[in-house]
Protein backbone atom coordinates (compact mmCIF):
# COMPACT_ATOMS: atom_id res chain seq x y z
CA UNK A 1 -58.65 -104.79 -66.25
CA UNK A 2 -57.48 -101.27 -67.05
CA UNK A 3 -60.08 -100.77 -69.65
CA UNK A 4 -62.70 -101.68 -66.85
CA UNK A 5 -61.04 -99.11 -64.56
CA UNK A 6 -61.08 -96.35 -67.28
CA UNK A 7 -64.57 -96.99 -68.31
CA UNK A 8 -65.59 -96.86 -64.56
CA UNK A 9 -63.71 -93.69 -64.06
CA UNK A 10 -65.66 -92.23 -67.41
CA UNK A 11 -69.24 -93.29 -65.74
CA UNK A 12 -68.31 -92.09 -62.45
CA UNK A 13 -67.26 -88.40 -64.07
CA UNK A 14 -70.30 -88.50 -66.30
CA UNK A 15 -72.60 -88.99 -63.31
CA UNK A 16 -70.92 -86.37 -61.04
CA UNK A 17 -71.09 -83.99 -63.96
CA UNK A 18 -74.69 -84.85 -64.68
CA UNK A 19 -75.59 -84.23 -61.04
CA UNK A 20 -73.64 -81.03 -60.78
CA UNK A 21 -75.34 -79.58 -63.95
CA UNK A 22 -78.91 -80.88 -63.13
CA UNK A 23 -78.58 -78.93 -59.45
CA UNK A 24 -77.37 -75.81 -61.39
CA UNK A 25 -79.99 -76.02 -63.90
CA UNK A 26 -82.86 -77.01 -61.82
CA UNK A 27 -81.67 -73.69 -59.73
CA UNK A 28 -82.47 -71.61 -62.48
CA UNK A 29 -85.40 -73.32 -63.47
CA UNK A 30 -86.96 -72.87 -60.15
CA UNK A 31 -86.35 -69.20 -60.04
CA UNK A 32 -88.60 -68.66 -62.99
CA UNK A 33 -91.96 -67.58 -61.35
CA UNK A 34 -93.65 -66.49 -64.48
CA UNK A 35 -93.72 -69.90 -66.21
CA UNK A 36 -97.00 -71.36 -66.53
CA UNK A 37 -97.69 -74.97 -65.44
CA UNK A 38 -97.57 -76.22 -69.11
CA UNK A 39 -94.14 -74.56 -70.05
CA UNK A 40 -92.97 -76.04 -66.39
CA UNK A 41 -93.84 -79.62 -67.42
CA UNK A 42 -92.22 -79.21 -70.89
CA UNK A 43 -89.13 -77.55 -69.31
CA UNK A 44 -89.07 -80.38 -66.91
CA UNK A 45 -88.35 -82.58 -69.69
CA UNK A 46 -85.86 -80.60 -71.30
CA UNK A 47 -84.07 -80.48 -68.05
CA UNK A 48 -83.93 -84.16 -68.07
CA UNK A 49 -82.85 -84.59 -71.50
CA UNK A 50 -80.09 -81.84 -71.05
CA UNK A 51 -78.94 -83.65 -67.93
CA UNK A 52 -78.39 -87.08 -69.91
CA UNK A 53 -76.98 -85.36 -72.81
CA UNK A 54 -74.56 -82.89 -70.99
CA UNK A 55 -71.75 -83.86 -72.89
CA UNK A 56 -73.45 -82.49 -76.24
CA UNK A 57 -75.31 -79.46 -74.51
CA UNK A 58 -72.54 -77.89 -72.62
CA UNK A 59 -70.42 -77.04 -75.66
CA UNK A 60 -72.86 -75.83 -77.46
CA UNK A 61 -73.99 -73.62 -74.67
CA UNK A 62 -70.50 -72.23 -74.16
CA UNK A 63 -70.35 -71.23 -77.82
CA UNK A 64 -73.48 -69.50 -77.35
CA UNK A 65 -72.10 -67.66 -74.34
CA UNK A 66 -68.88 -66.77 -76.24
CA UNK A 67 -70.90 -65.24 -79.16
CA UNK A 68 -73.15 -63.32 -76.65
CA UNK A 69 -69.89 -61.94 -75.00
CA UNK A 70 -68.48 -61.01 -78.36
CA UNK A 71 -71.44 -59.27 -79.45
CA UNK A 72 -71.94 -57.25 -76.14
CA UNK A 73 -68.03 -56.87 -75.24
CA UNK A 74 -68.29 -53.08 -75.03
CA UNK A 75 -71.34 -53.19 -72.48
CA UNK A 76 -69.65 -55.83 -70.48
CA UNK A 77 -66.46 -54.11 -70.24
CA UNK A 78 -68.33 -50.79 -69.17
CA UNK A 79 -70.08 -52.66 -66.51
CA UNK A 80 -67.01 -54.41 -65.18
CA UNK A 81 -64.96 -51.04 -64.85
CA UNK A 82 -67.96 -49.46 -62.97
CA UNK A 83 -67.75 -52.33 -60.76
CA UNK A 84 -64.09 -52.09 -60.39
CA UNK A 85 -64.39 -48.34 -59.56
CA UNK A 86 -67.12 -48.78 -56.97
CA UNK A 87 -64.95 -51.35 -55.43
CA UNK A 88 -62.08 -49.11 -55.37
CA UNK A 89 -64.13 -46.38 -53.53
CA UNK A 90 -65.08 -48.67 -50.70
């Protein structure tokens, strides 16, 4: 009984997170107006695959984000400081 409950909980979390990530990724996908129809059909397939395999995709995407942040830390800090100064002046 406990195994069935845990399995159901895992499936529900997997589906809810998949739905949430699909919506977020779809938003970014639809914002790109420069994409050709051939590219759009290719990326639709990628979007579906990413949604199904999100437990694998998300950690790798997060690692890429960390690498990007580490590489551009000085620029990011400058932008954050500029934003903080603008907020303080308002």
